């Protein structure tokens, strides 16, 4: 188990700044407290967030190419590498993690929900898009020796994502337990966001079948 917060990863091309709480946690029945993460946030308190994801301008709707690059690692590099991997990052055996680069497809989707309204800088109201987290995991892990990845994620309940690679490795659950969003000029146009994610590895039995 990697204890403590993931070391700081500065990823300039990332869509959100996500922090992994544990790079590889034990099964849910055997959790231990890990001090010093999330600015004192209690990772063992299961207080669900509202099922409203980060909203992006509708101009982002569709598929894009995302480039990720590690430009700085502060603290424990092994923890940082572990966090990179459980969030979907791929590192080949011959790669230097502190120089790793990735390029893959991502997409934004429009759910057309009344709760997904945002106000643009010109004062008009639009349906905001959400980032397709499941598609990102599928694309980010595609083409690896591990083969296809089975992903469970519902954009209408976006805070929990489960995935399992076909290489026999344990299933992984990514659960957003804390989220902050910084709107621009109080008009809803996104400037930045930050998420604290609890990572739990699971057995095949508890992972379930793909939906």
N, C-alpha and C. Protein backbone atom coordinates (compact mmCIF):
# COMPACT_ATOMS: atom_id res chain seq x y z
N UNK A 1 0.85 -1.20 0.00
CA UNK A 1 0.00 0.00 0.00
C UNK A 1 0.88 1.23 0.00
N UNK A 2 0.53 2.18 -0.79
CA UNK A 2 1.22 3.45 -0.79
C UNK A 2 0.44 4.40 0.08
N UNK A 3 1.02 4.83 1.17
CA UNK A 3 0.30 5.68 2.13
C UNK A 3 0.59 7.13 1.86
N UNK A 4 -0.40 7.95 2.12
CA UNK A 4 -0.22 9.39 1.99
C UNK A 4 -0.69 9.91 0.65
N UNK A 5 -0.68 11.21 0.52
CA UNK A 5 -1.16 11.83 -0.71
C UNK A 5 -0.16 11.61 -1.83
N UNK A 6 -0.68 11.59 -3.03
CA UNK A 6 0.22 11.51 -4.17
C UNK A 6 1.07 12.77 -4.21
N UNK A 7 2.34 12.58 -4.54
CA UNK A 7 3.21 13.74 -4.65
C UNK A 7 2.69 14.67 -5.74
N UNK A 8 3.07 15.93 -5.66
CA UNK A 8 2.55 16.92 -6.59
C UNK A 8 2.99 16.60 -8.01
N UNK A 9 2.02 16.49 -8.90
CA UNK A 9 2.29 16.30 -10.32
C UNK A 9 1.78 17.54 -11.03
N UNK A 10 2.65 18.26 -11.73
CA UNK A 10 2.24 19.44 -12.45
C UNK A 10 1.98 19.03 -13.90
N UNK A 11 0.70 19.01 -14.28
CA UNK A 11 0.32 18.52 -15.59
C UNK A 11 -0.36 19.65 -16.35
N UNK A 12 0.35 20.44 -17.11
CA UNK A 12 -0.21 21.65 -17.70
C UNK A 12 -1.32 21.40 -18.69
N UNK A 13 -1.38 20.23 -19.33
CA UNK A 13 -2.40 19.97 -20.33
C UNK A 13 -3.61 19.25 -19.78
N UNK A 14 -3.62 18.98 -18.48
CA UNK A 14 -4.74 18.25 -17.90
C UNK A 14 -5.98 19.13 -17.85
N UNK A 15 -7.12 18.50 -17.90
CA UNK A 15 -8.38 19.22 -17.86
C UNK A 15 -8.72 19.59 -16.43
N UNK A 16 -8.45 18.73 -15.49
CA UNK A 16 -8.65 19.05 -14.09
C UNK A 16 -7.42 18.62 -13.31
N UNK A 17 -7.26 19.20 -12.15
CA UNK A 17 -6.16 18.83 -11.27
C UNK A 17 -6.70 17.84 -10.26
N UNK A 18 -6.42 16.56 -10.45
CA UNK A 18 -6.97 15.54 -9.58
C UNK A 18 -5.88 14.96 -8.70
N UNK A 19 -6.20 14.79 -7.43
CA UNK A 19 -5.23 14.27 -6.47
C UNK A 19 -5.69 12.90 -6.00
N UNK A 20 -4.84 11.92 -6.12
CA UNK A 20 -5.19 10.59 -5.63
C UNK A 20 -4.83 10.48 -4.16
N UNK A 21 -5.76 9.99 -3.38
CA UNK A 21 -5.52 9.86 -1.95
C UNK A 21 -4.60 8.69 -1.65
N UNK A 22 -4.88 7.55 -2.22
CA UNK A 22 -4.04 6.37 -2.06
C UNK A 22 -3.74 5.81 -3.42
N UNK A 23 -2.48 5.53 -3.70
CA UNK A 23 -2.16 4.96 -5.00
C UNK A 23 -2.61 3.53 -5.10
N UNK A 24 -2.68 2.81 -4.01
CA UNK A 24 -3.17 1.44 -4.03
C UNK A 24 -3.69 1.09 -2.65
N UNK A 25 -4.98 1.19 -2.45
CA UNK A 25 -5.57 0.95 -1.14
C UNK A 25 -5.94 -0.51 -0.98
N UNK A 26 -6.07 -1.00 0.26
CA UNK A 26 -6.54 -2.34 0.49
C UNK A 26 -8.04 -2.41 0.25
N UNK A 27 -8.66 -3.61 0.24
CA UNK A 27 -10.09 -3.71 0.08
C UNK A 27 -10.83 -2.88 1.12
N UNK A 28 -12.09 -2.52 0.80
CA UNK A 28 -12.84 -1.60 1.64
C UNK A 28 -12.96 -2.05 3.08
N UNK A 29 -12.95 -3.36 3.32
CA UNK A 29 -13.14 -3.84 4.67
C UNK A 29 -11.92 -3.68 5.55
N UNK A 30 -10.81 -3.22 4.99
CA UNK A 30 -9.57 -3.16 5.76
C UNK A 30 -8.88 -1.80 5.60
N UNK A 31 -9.68 -0.74 5.54
CA UNK A 31 -9.11 0.59 5.36
C UNK A 31 -8.43 1.08 6.63
N UNK A 32 -7.35 1.83 6.45
CA UNK A 32 -6.67 2.47 7.56
C UNK A 32 -6.59 3.97 7.28
N UNK A 33 -6.57 4.76 8.33
CA UNK A 33 -6.48 6.20 8.15
C UNK A 33 -5.08 6.58 7.65
N UNK A 34 -5.09 7.49 6.71
CA UNK A 34 -3.83 7.99 6.17
C UNK A 34 -3.77 9.48 6.47
N UNK A 35 -2.88 9.92 7.37
CA UNK A 35 -2.84 11.34 7.76
C UNK A 35 -2.20 12.21 6.70
N UNK A 36 -2.54 13.49 6.74
CA UNK A 36 -1.83 14.47 5.94
C UNK A 36 -2.28 14.60 4.52
N UNK A 37 -3.50 14.18 4.17
CA UNK A 37 -3.97 14.32 2.81
C UNK A 37 -5.24 15.14 2.81
N UNK A 38 -5.48 15.83 1.70
CA UNK A 38 -6.72 16.58 1.55
C UNK A 38 -6.87 17.71 2.55
N UNK A 39 -5.76 18.27 3.02
CA UNK A 39 -5.81 19.35 4.00
C UNK A 39 -6.65 18.99 5.21
N UNK A 40 -6.47 17.78 5.72
CA UNK A 40 -7.21 17.33 6.89
C UNK A 40 -8.53 16.66 6.59
N UNK A 41 -8.85 16.45 5.32
CA UNK A 41 -10.11 15.81 4.95
C UNK A 41 -10.09 14.35 5.41
N UNK A 42 -11.18 13.90 6.03
CA UNK A 42 -11.27 12.53 6.54
C UNK A 42 -11.69 11.60 5.41
N UNK A 43 -10.75 10.81 4.92
CA UNK A 43 -11.01 9.94 3.77
C UNK A 43 -11.96 8.79 4.09
N UNK A 44 -12.15 8.48 5.37
CA UNK A 44 -12.99 7.33 5.73
C UNK A 44 -14.44 7.73 5.97
N UNK A 45 -14.74 9.00 5.95
CA UNK A 45 -16.12 9.44 6.10
C UNK A 45 -16.78 9.39 4.73
N UNK A 46 -17.76 8.52 4.59
CA UNK A 46 -18.41 8.32 3.30
C UNK A 46 -19.58 9.29 3.17
N UNK A 47 -19.27 10.54 2.86
CA UNK A 47 -20.28 11.57 2.68
C UNK A 47 -20.39 11.88 1.19
N UNK A 48 -21.41 11.30 0.53
CA UNK A 48 -21.49 11.42 -0.92
C UNK A 48 -21.64 12.87 -1.38
N UNK A 49 -21.00 13.17 -2.50
CA UNK A 49 -21.18 14.47 -3.13
C UNK A 49 -22.46 14.45 -3.97
N UNK A 50 -22.95 15.63 -4.29
CA UNK A 50 -24.09 15.70 -5.20
C UNK A 50 -23.69 15.16 -6.57
N UNK A 51 -24.63 14.51 -7.26
CA UNK A 51 -24.35 13.93 -8.56
C UNK A 51 -24.39 14.98 -9.66
N UNK A 52 -23.61 16.02 -9.47
CA UNK A 52 -23.47 17.08 -10.47
C UNK A 52 -21.99 17.25 -10.73
N UNK A 53 -21.59 16.93 -11.95
CA UNK A 53 -20.16 16.96 -12.29
C UNK A 53 -19.72 18.39 -12.62
N UNK A 54 -18.42 18.54 -12.85
CA UNK A 54 -17.88 19.82 -13.29
C UNK A 54 -18.45 20.13 -14.67
N UNK A 55 -18.93 21.34 -14.86
CA UNK A 55 -19.53 21.74 -16.12
C UNK A 55 -18.56 22.58 -16.95
N UNK A 56 -18.49 22.25 -18.24
CA UNK A 56 -17.60 22.94 -19.17
C UNK A 56 -18.42 23.64 -20.25
N UNK A 57 -17.86 24.66 -20.89
CA UNK A 57 -18.58 25.36 -21.96
C UNK A 57 -18.97 24.41 -23.08
N UNK A 58 -20.14 24.60 -23.71
CA UNK A 58 -20.59 23.70 -24.79
C UNK A 58 -19.67 23.72 -26.00
N UNK A 59 -18.83 24.71 -26.11
CA UNK A 59 -17.90 24.76 -27.24
C UNK A 59 -16.90 23.60 -27.21
N UNK A 60 -16.79 22.94 -26.05
CA UNK A 60 -15.87 21.80 -25.94
C UNK A 60 -16.52 20.49 -26.35
N UNK A 61 -17.80 20.50 -26.66
CA UNK A 61 -18.51 19.26 -26.99
C UNK A 61 -17.80 18.50 -28.11
N UNK A 62 -17.66 17.19 -27.91
CA UNK A 62 -17.02 16.37 -28.93
C UNK A 62 -15.72 15.76 -28.45
N UNK A 63 -14.93 15.28 -29.40
CA UNK A 63 -13.69 14.56 -29.11
C UNK A 63 -12.47 15.44 -29.35
N UNK A 64 -11.52 15.33 -28.43
CA UNK A 64 -10.30 16.12 -28.49
C UNK A 64 -9.09 15.21 -28.26
N UNK A 65 -7.92 15.72 -28.58
CA UNK A 65 -6.68 15.02 -28.25
C UNK A 65 -6.08 15.67 -27.01
N UNK A 66 -5.82 14.85 -26.00
CA UNK A 66 -5.22 15.33 -24.75
C UNK A 66 -3.74 14.91 -24.70
N UNK A 67 -2.90 15.83 -24.36
CA UNK A 67 -1.48 15.54 -24.15
C UNK A 67 -1.15 15.77 -22.70
N UNK A 68 -0.53 14.80 -22.07
CA UNK A 68 -0.10 14.91 -20.68
C UNK A 68 1.42 14.73 -20.61
N UNK A 69 2.01 15.51 -19.76
CA UNK A 69 3.47 15.45 -19.60
C UNK A 69 3.81 15.75 -18.14
N UNK A 70 4.67 14.93 -17.56
CA UNK A 70 5.16 15.20 -16.21
C UNK A 70 6.30 16.20 -16.34
N UNK A 71 6.11 17.37 -15.74
CA UNK A 71 7.15 18.40 -15.81
C UNK A 71 7.84 18.61 -14.48
N UNK A 72 7.22 18.10 -13.38
CA UNK A 72 7.84 18.26 -12.07
C UNK A 72 7.24 17.25 -11.11
N UNK A 73 8.06 16.66 -10.27
CA UNK A 73 7.62 15.75 -9.22
C UNK A 73 8.23 16.22 -7.91
N UNK A 74 7.36 16.54 -6.95
CA UNK A 74 7.82 16.99 -5.65
C UNK A 74 7.46 15.94 -4.61
N UNK A 75 8.41 15.54 -3.77
CA UNK A 75 8.12 14.53 -2.76
C UNK A 75 8.51 13.15 -3.26
N UNK A 76 7.74 12.16 -2.85
CA UNK A 76 8.04 10.76 -3.12
C UNK A 76 7.68 10.42 -4.56
N UNK A 77 8.68 10.16 -5.38
CA UNK A 77 8.45 9.86 -6.80
C UNK A 77 7.71 8.54 -6.99
N UNK A 78 7.93 7.56 -6.10
CA UNK A 78 7.23 6.28 -6.22
C UNK A 78 5.73 6.45 -5.99
N UNK A 79 5.36 7.29 -5.01
CA UNK A 79 3.95 7.56 -4.78
C UNK A 79 3.34 8.30 -5.97
N UNK A 80 4.08 9.25 -6.51
CA UNK A 80 3.58 9.99 -7.67
C UNK A 80 3.38 9.07 -8.86
N UNK A 81 4.31 8.14 -9.08
CA UNK A 81 4.17 7.19 -10.18
C UNK A 81 2.97 6.27 -9.96
N UNK A 82 2.78 5.84 -8.71
CA UNK A 82 1.63 4.99 -8.40
C UNK A 82 0.32 5.70 -8.66
N UNK A 83 0.24 6.99 -8.28
CA UNK A 83 -0.97 7.77 -8.52
C UNK A 83 -1.22 7.93 -10.02
N UNK A 84 -0.17 8.18 -10.77
CA UNK A 84 -0.29 8.31 -12.23
C UNK A 84 -0.90 7.04 -12.83
N UNK A 85 -0.45 5.90 -12.37
CA UNK A 85 -0.92 4.63 -12.92
C UNK A 85 -2.38 4.35 -12.58
N UNK A 86 -2.77 4.55 -11.31
CA UNK A 86 -4.15 4.21 -10.93
C UNK A 86 -5.15 5.19 -11.53
N UNK A 87 -4.71 6.38 -11.93
CA UNK A 87 -5.60 7.31 -12.61
C UNK A 87 -5.64 7.05 -14.11
N UNK A 88 -5.02 5.94 -14.54
CA UNK A 88 -5.09 5.54 -15.95
C UNK A 88 -3.82 5.72 -16.72
N UNK A 89 -2.81 6.32 -16.14
CA UNK A 89 -1.57 6.56 -16.85
C UNK A 89 -0.83 5.29 -17.20
N UNK A 90 -0.16 5.30 -18.33
CA UNK A 90 0.59 4.14 -18.81
C UNK A 90 2.07 4.47 -18.79
N UNK A 91 2.85 3.58 -18.20
CA UNK A 91 4.30 3.72 -18.16
C UNK A 91 4.91 2.41 -18.61
N UNK A 92 5.72 2.43 -19.64
CA UNK A 92 6.37 1.22 -20.12
C UNK A 92 7.55 0.89 -19.21
N UNK A 93 7.96 -0.39 -19.21
CA UNK A 93 9.07 -0.80 -18.32
C UNK A 93 10.35 -0.01 -18.55
N UNK A 94 10.54 0.49 -19.76
CA UNK A 94 11.79 1.21 -20.06
C UNK A 94 11.64 2.72 -19.92
N UNK A 95 10.46 3.19 -19.50
CA UNK A 95 10.22 4.63 -19.42
C UNK A 95 10.76 5.21 -18.12
N UNK A 96 11.19 6.46 -18.20
CA UNK A 96 11.54 7.24 -17.02
C UNK A 96 10.29 8.03 -16.64
N UNK A 97 9.70 7.73 -15.48
CA UNK A 97 8.43 8.35 -15.10
C UNK A 97 8.51 9.86 -15.13
N UNK A 98 9.63 10.43 -14.70
CA UNK A 98 9.73 11.88 -14.61
C UNK A 98 9.88 12.54 -15.97
N UNK A 99 9.90 11.72 -17.05
CA UNK A 99 9.94 12.27 -18.41
C UNK A 99 8.80 11.71 -19.26
N UNK A 100 7.83 11.06 -18.62
CA UNK A 100 6.78 10.38 -19.37
C UNK A 100 5.85 11.39 -20.05
N UNK A 101 5.39 11.02 -21.25
CA UNK A 101 4.44 11.82 -22.00
C UNK A 101 3.36 10.89 -22.55
N UNK A 102 2.14 11.42 -22.66
CA UNK A 102 1.03 10.64 -23.19
C UNK A 102 0.23 11.49 -24.17
N UNK A 103 -0.44 10.82 -25.11
CA UNK A 103 -1.35 11.48 -26.02
C UNK A 103 -2.49 10.50 -26.32
N UNK A 104 -3.71 10.94 -26.08
CA UNK A 104 -4.87 10.07 -26.27
C UNK A 104 -6.12 10.91 -26.45
N UNK A 105 -7.21 10.27 -26.87
CA UNK A 105 -8.46 10.97 -27.11
C UNK A 105 -9.25 11.14 -25.82
N UNK A 106 -9.92 12.28 -25.69
CA UNK A 106 -10.88 12.53 -24.62
C UNK A 106 -12.13 13.13 -25.27
N UNK A 107 -13.24 13.16 -24.53
CA UNK A 107 -14.43 13.78 -25.09
C UNK A 107 -15.30 14.41 -24.01
N UNK A 108 -16.09 15.37 -24.45
CA UNK A 108 -17.05 16.06 -23.60
C UNK A 108 -18.45 15.76 -24.14
N UNK A 109 -19.39 15.53 -23.23
CA UNK A 109 -20.73 15.14 -23.64
C UNK A 109 -21.78 16.06 -23.03
N UNK A 110 -22.89 16.21 -23.73
CA UNK A 110 -24.00 17.06 -23.31
C UNK A 110 -25.14 16.16 -22.86
N UNK A 111 -25.49 16.22 -21.57
CA UNK A 111 -26.55 15.37 -21.02
C UNK A 111 -27.93 16.03 -21.11
N UNK A 112 -27.97 17.28 -21.46
CA UNK A 112 -29.23 18.02 -21.60
C UNK A 112 -30.07 17.95 -20.33
N UNK A 113 -29.46 18.17 -19.18
CA UNK A 113 -30.20 18.18 -17.92
C UNK A 113 -30.40 19.61 -17.46
N UNK A 114 -31.53 19.87 -16.84
CA UNK A 114 -31.80 21.22 -16.34
C UNK A 114 -30.79 21.64 -15.28
N UNK A 115 -30.20 20.65 -14.59
CA UNK A 115 -29.21 20.96 -13.56
C UNK A 115 -27.86 21.34 -14.15
N UNK A 116 -27.68 21.17 -15.46
CA UNK A 116 -26.39 21.40 -16.11
C UNK A 116 -26.33 22.75 -16.81
N UNK A 117 -27.08 23.71 -16.35
CA UNK A 117 -27.06 25.02 -16.97
C UNK A 117 -25.88 25.85 -16.50
N UNK A 118 -25.23 26.54 -17.44
CA UNK A 118 -24.16 27.47 -17.10
C UNK A 118 -24.44 28.80 -17.81
N UNK A 119 -23.89 29.86 -17.29
CA UNK A 119 -24.07 31.19 -17.87
C UNK A 119 -22.74 31.65 -18.45
N UNK A 120 -22.75 31.96 -19.74
CA UNK A 120 -21.54 32.40 -20.40
C UNK A 120 -21.19 33.83 -20.04
N UNK A 121 -20.03 34.27 -20.49
CA UNK A 121 -19.56 35.61 -20.16
C UNK A 121 -20.45 36.70 -20.76
N UNK A 122 -21.18 36.35 -21.82
CA UNK A 122 -22.08 37.33 -22.42
C UNK A 122 -23.45 37.36 -21.75
N UNK A 123 -23.61 36.51 -20.69
CA UNK A 123 -24.84 36.51 -19.92
C UNK A 123 -25.89 35.52 -20.37
N UNK A 124 -25.66 34.80 -21.46
CA UNK A 124 -26.63 33.82 -21.95
C UNK A 124 -26.45 32.49 -21.22
N UNK A 125 -27.55 31.73 -21.12
CA UNK A 125 -27.51 30.45 -20.42
C UNK A 125 -27.39 29.31 -21.43
N UNK A 126 -26.54 28.34 -21.11
CA UNK A 126 -26.29 27.20 -21.99
C UNK A 126 -26.33 25.91 -21.17
N UNK A 127 -26.50 24.79 -21.89
CA UNK A 127 -26.28 23.49 -21.27
C UNK A 127 -24.78 23.25 -21.22
N UNK A 128 -24.27 23.00 -20.04
CA UNK A 128 -22.85 22.70 -19.92
C UNK A 128 -22.54 21.27 -20.30
N UNK A 129 -21.32 21.02 -20.73
CA UNK A 129 -20.85 19.67 -21.03
C UNK A 129 -20.14 19.09 -19.81
N UNK A 130 -20.10 17.76 -19.74
CA UNK A 130 -19.31 17.08 -18.71
C UNK A 130 -18.21 16.28 -19.38
N UNK A 131 -17.15 16.08 -18.66
CA UNK A 131 -16.01 15.31 -19.16
C UNK A 131 -16.32 13.83 -19.02
N UNK A 132 -16.14 13.07 -20.11
CA UNK A 132 -16.44 11.64 -20.11
C UNK A 132 -15.27 10.89 -19.45
N UNK A 133 -15.42 10.64 -18.17
CA UNK A 133 -14.35 10.01 -17.39
C UNK A 133 -14.11 8.56 -17.81
N UNK A 134 -15.18 7.85 -18.12
CA UNK A 134 -15.04 6.46 -18.54
C UNK A 134 -14.29 6.33 -19.86
N UNK A 135 -14.62 7.19 -20.80
CA UNK A 135 -13.95 7.19 -22.10
C UNK A 135 -12.47 7.49 -21.95
N UNK A 136 -12.13 8.40 -21.03
CA UNK A 136 -10.72 8.73 -20.81
C UNK A 136 -9.94 7.50 -20.35
N UNK A 137 -10.50 6.74 -19.39
CA UNK A 137 -9.80 5.55 -18.91
C UNK A 137 -9.63 4.54 -20.04
N UNK A 138 -10.68 4.34 -20.82
CA UNK A 138 -10.60 3.39 -21.94
C UNK A 138 -9.52 3.80 -22.94
N UNK A 139 -9.51 5.07 -23.30
CA UNK A 139 -8.54 5.55 -24.28
C UNK A 139 -7.13 5.58 -23.72
N UNK A 140 -7.01 5.95 -22.46
CA UNK A 140 -5.69 6.10 -21.87
C UNK A 140 -5.00 4.75 -21.71
N UNK A 141 -5.78 3.71 -21.51
CA UNK A 141 -5.20 2.38 -21.31
C UNK A 141 -5.25 1.53 -22.58
N UNK A 142 -5.78 2.04 -23.67
CA UNK A 142 -5.87 1.26 -24.91
C UNK A 142 -4.49 1.11 -25.54
N UNK A 143 -4.33 0.03 -26.25
CA UNK A 143 -3.06 -0.20 -26.93
C UNK A 143 -1.95 -0.70 -26.03
N UNK A 144 -2.28 -1.03 -24.77
CA UNK A 144 -1.26 -1.56 -23.88
C UNK A 144 -1.27 -3.08 -23.93
N UNK A 145 -0.25 -3.68 -23.38
CA UNK A 145 -0.16 -5.13 -23.35
C UNK A 145 -1.24 -5.74 -22.47
N UNK A 146 -1.82 -4.93 -21.59
CA UNK A 146 -2.87 -5.42 -20.70
C UNK A 146 -4.16 -5.73 -21.45
N UNK A 147 -4.30 -5.23 -22.69
CA UNK A 147 -5.51 -5.49 -23.46
C UNK A 147 -6.63 -4.54 -23.08
N UNK A 148 -7.85 -4.96 -23.41
CA UNK A 148 -9.01 -4.10 -23.19
C UNK A 148 -9.26 -3.86 -21.70
N UNK A 149 -9.80 -2.70 -21.38
CA UNK A 149 -10.14 -2.34 -20.01
C UNK A 149 -11.66 -2.25 -19.89
N UNK A 150 -12.21 -2.93 -18.89
CA UNK A 150 -13.65 -2.87 -18.62
C UNK A 150 -13.90 -1.71 -17.66
N UNK A 151 -14.74 -0.77 -18.07
CA UNK A 151 -14.99 0.44 -17.29
C UNK A 151 -16.47 0.51 -16.91
N UNK A 152 -16.74 0.84 -15.66
CA UNK A 152 -18.09 1.10 -15.19
C UNK A 152 -18.17 2.55 -14.72
N UNK A 153 -18.94 3.35 -15.45
CA UNK A 153 -19.11 4.75 -15.08
C UNK A 153 -20.39 5.28 -15.70
N UNK A 154 -21.17 6.00 -14.91
CA UNK A 154 -22.43 6.58 -15.37
C UNK A 154 -22.31 8.10 -15.24
N UNK A 155 -22.43 8.85 -16.34
CA UNK A 155 -22.29 10.30 -16.24
C UNK A 155 -23.33 10.97 -15.36
N UNK A 156 -24.44 10.26 -15.07
CA UNK A 156 -25.47 10.83 -14.21
C UNK A 156 -25.20 10.58 -12.73
N UNK A 157 -24.26 9.70 -12.46
CA UNK A 157 -23.74 9.50 -11.09
C UNK A 157 -22.22 9.48 -11.22
N UNK A 158 -21.62 10.65 -11.46
CA UNK A 158 -20.25 10.72 -11.97
C UNK A 158 -19.14 10.52 -10.96
N UNK A 159 -19.46 10.46 -9.68
CA UNK A 159 -18.40 10.51 -8.68
C UNK A 159 -17.69 9.19 -8.43
N UNK A 160 -18.22 8.09 -8.96
CA UNK A 160 -17.58 6.79 -8.77
C UNK A 160 -17.33 6.14 -10.13
N UNK A 161 -16.11 5.72 -10.34
CA UNK A 161 -15.72 5.01 -11.56
C UNK A 161 -14.96 3.76 -11.17
N UNK A 162 -15.28 2.65 -11.83
CA UNK A 162 -14.56 1.40 -11.60
C UNK A 162 -13.99 0.91 -12.93
N UNK A 163 -12.80 0.37 -12.87
CA UNK A 163 -12.24 -0.21 -14.08
C UNK A 163 -11.38 -1.42 -13.74
N UNK A 164 -11.25 -2.31 -14.71
CA UNK A 164 -10.43 -3.51 -14.53
C UNK A 164 -9.77 -3.86 -15.84
N UNK A 165 -8.47 -4.05 -15.79
CA UNK A 165 -7.72 -4.45 -16.97
C UNK A 165 -7.80 -5.96 -17.14
N UNK A 166 -7.57 -6.42 -18.36
CA UNK A 166 -7.70 -7.84 -18.64
C UNK A 166 -6.43 -8.64 -18.32
N UNK A 167 -5.46 -8.00 -17.68
CA UNK A 167 -4.21 -8.68 -17.38
C UNK A 167 -4.24 -9.41 -16.04
N UNK A 168 -5.43 -9.43 -15.39
CA UNK A 168 -5.55 -10.12 -14.11
C UNK A 168 -5.25 -9.27 -12.91
N UNK A 169 -4.89 -8.01 -13.13
CA UNK A 169 -4.62 -7.12 -11.99
C UNK A 169 -5.93 -6.78 -11.29
N UNK A 170 -5.87 -6.40 -10.01
CA UNK A 170 -7.10 -6.09 -9.26
C UNK A 170 -7.89 -4.95 -9.91
N UNK A 171 -9.21 -4.99 -9.73
CA UNK A 171 -10.03 -3.89 -10.18
C UNK A 171 -9.75 -2.66 -9.34
N UNK A 172 -10.03 -1.50 -9.90
CA UNK A 172 -9.75 -0.24 -9.22
C UNK A 172 -11.01 0.61 -9.18
N UNK A 173 -11.27 1.22 -8.02
CA UNK A 173 -12.37 2.16 -7.87
C UNK A 173 -11.80 3.54 -7.62
N UNK A 174 -12.25 4.52 -8.40
CA UNK A 174 -11.88 5.92 -8.21
C UNK A 174 -13.13 6.65 -7.74
N UNK A 175 -13.08 7.21 -6.54
CA UNK A 175 -14.25 7.89 -5.99
C UNK A 175 -13.89 9.31 -5.60
N UNK A 176 -14.59 10.28 -6.19
CA UNK A 176 -14.37 11.68 -5.85
C UNK A 176 -15.02 11.95 -4.50
N UNK A 177 -14.24 12.37 -3.52
CA UNK A 177 -14.76 12.62 -2.18
C UNK A 177 -14.76 14.11 -1.84
N UNK A 178 -14.08 14.90 -2.64
CA UNK A 178 -14.05 16.34 -2.40
C UNK A 178 -13.81 17.05 -3.74
N UNK A 179 -14.57 18.14 -3.96
CA UNK A 179 -14.44 18.85 -5.23
C UNK A 179 -14.64 20.35 -5.00
N UNK A 180 -13.78 21.13 -5.60
CA UNK A 180 -13.95 22.58 -5.59
C UNK A 180 -13.87 23.09 -7.03
N UNK A 181 -14.70 24.06 -7.35
CA UNK A 181 -14.73 24.64 -8.69
C UNK A 181 -14.62 26.15 -8.56
N UNK A 182 -13.78 26.75 -9.39
CA UNK A 182 -13.57 28.19 -9.35
C UNK A 182 -14.20 28.82 -10.59
N UNK A 183 -15.40 29.44 -10.46
CA UNK A 183 -16.02 30.10 -11.61
C UNK A 183 -15.37 31.44 -11.89
N UNK A 184 -15.52 31.91 -13.12
CA UNK A 184 -14.94 33.19 -13.51
C UNK A 184 -15.99 34.28 -13.41
N UNK A 185 -15.67 35.34 -12.69
CA UNK A 185 -16.56 36.49 -12.57
C UNK A 185 -17.97 36.12 -12.09
N UNK A 186 -18.07 35.03 -11.33
CA UNK A 186 -19.35 34.58 -10.80
C UNK A 186 -20.40 34.34 -11.89
N UNK A 187 -19.95 34.04 -13.10
CA UNK A 187 -20.89 33.79 -14.19
C UNK A 187 -20.81 32.37 -14.72
N UNK A 188 -20.13 31.50 -14.00
CA UNK A 188 -20.17 30.09 -14.33
C UNK A 188 -19.16 29.61 -15.35
N UNK A 189 -18.43 30.48 -15.99
CA UNK A 189 -17.42 30.05 -16.95
C UNK A 189 -16.22 29.51 -16.19
N UNK A 190 -15.89 28.23 -16.42
CA UNK A 190 -14.92 27.52 -15.60
C UNK A 190 -13.51 28.08 -15.75
N UNK A 191 -12.86 28.34 -14.64
CA UNK A 191 -11.46 28.72 -14.63
C UNK A 191 -10.61 27.53 -14.20
N UNK A 192 -10.98 26.88 -13.12
CA UNK A 192 -10.21 25.75 -12.63
C UNK A 192 -11.03 24.91 -11.67
N UNK A 193 -10.57 23.69 -11.43
CA UNK A 193 -11.24 22.80 -10.49
C UNK A 193 -10.22 21.91 -9.84
N UNK A 194 -10.58 21.37 -8.70
CA UNK A 194 -9.68 20.50 -7.95
C UNK A 194 -10.50 19.39 -7.32
N UNK A 195 -10.04 18.15 -7.44
CA UNK A 195 -10.75 17.00 -6.88
C UNK A 195 -9.82 16.16 -6.02
N UNK A 196 -10.34 15.67 -4.92
CA UNK A 196 -9.64 14.70 -4.09
C UNK A 196 -10.30 13.35 -4.36
N UNK A 197 -9.51 12.38 -4.78
CA UNK A 197 -10.03 11.09 -5.21
C UNK A 197 -9.52 9.98 -4.29
N UNK A 198 -10.45 9.18 -3.78
CA UNK A 198 -10.08 8.00 -2.99
C UNK A 198 -9.96 6.81 -3.94
N UNK A 199 -8.82 6.14 -3.89
CA UNK A 199 -8.54 5.02 -4.77
C UNK A 199 -8.55 3.73 -3.97
N UNK A 200 -9.34 2.77 -4.43
CA UNK A 200 -9.43 1.48 -3.75
C UNK A 200 -9.27 0.36 -4.75
N UNK A 201 -8.38 -0.58 -4.48
CA UNK A 201 -8.27 -1.76 -5.33
C UNK A 201 -9.21 -2.83 -4.79
N UNK A 202 -9.83 -3.56 -5.71
CA UNK A 202 -10.84 -4.55 -5.34
C UNK A 202 -10.55 -5.88 -5.98
N UNK A 203 -11.18 -6.92 -5.45
CA UNK A 203 -11.07 -8.25 -6.03
C UNK A 203 -12.05 -8.38 -7.19
N UNK A 204 -11.89 -9.40 -7.99
CA UNK A 204 -12.79 -9.61 -9.12
C UNK A 204 -14.22 -9.80 -8.66
N UNK A 205 -14.41 -10.47 -7.53
CA UNK A 205 -15.76 -10.75 -7.04
C UNK A 205 -16.50 -9.47 -6.69
N UNK A 206 -15.79 -8.51 -6.10
CA UNK A 206 -16.46 -7.29 -5.68
C UNK A 206 -16.57 -6.27 -6.80
N UNK A 207 -15.83 -6.51 -7.89
CA UNK A 207 -15.88 -5.56 -9.00
C UNK A 207 -17.19 -5.65 -9.75
N UNK A 208 -17.70 -6.85 -9.96
CA UNK A 208 -18.97 -7.02 -10.65
C UNK A 208 -18.80 -7.10 -12.15
N UNK A 209 -19.89 -7.21 -12.86
CA UNK A 209 -19.85 -7.34 -14.30
C UNK A 209 -20.05 -5.99 -14.93
N UNK A 210 -19.61 -5.88 -16.18
CA UNK A 210 -19.74 -4.61 -16.88
C UNK A 210 -21.19 -4.34 -17.21
N UNK A 211 -21.59 -3.08 -17.12
CA UNK A 211 -22.96 -2.73 -17.44
C UNK A 211 -23.05 -2.29 -18.89
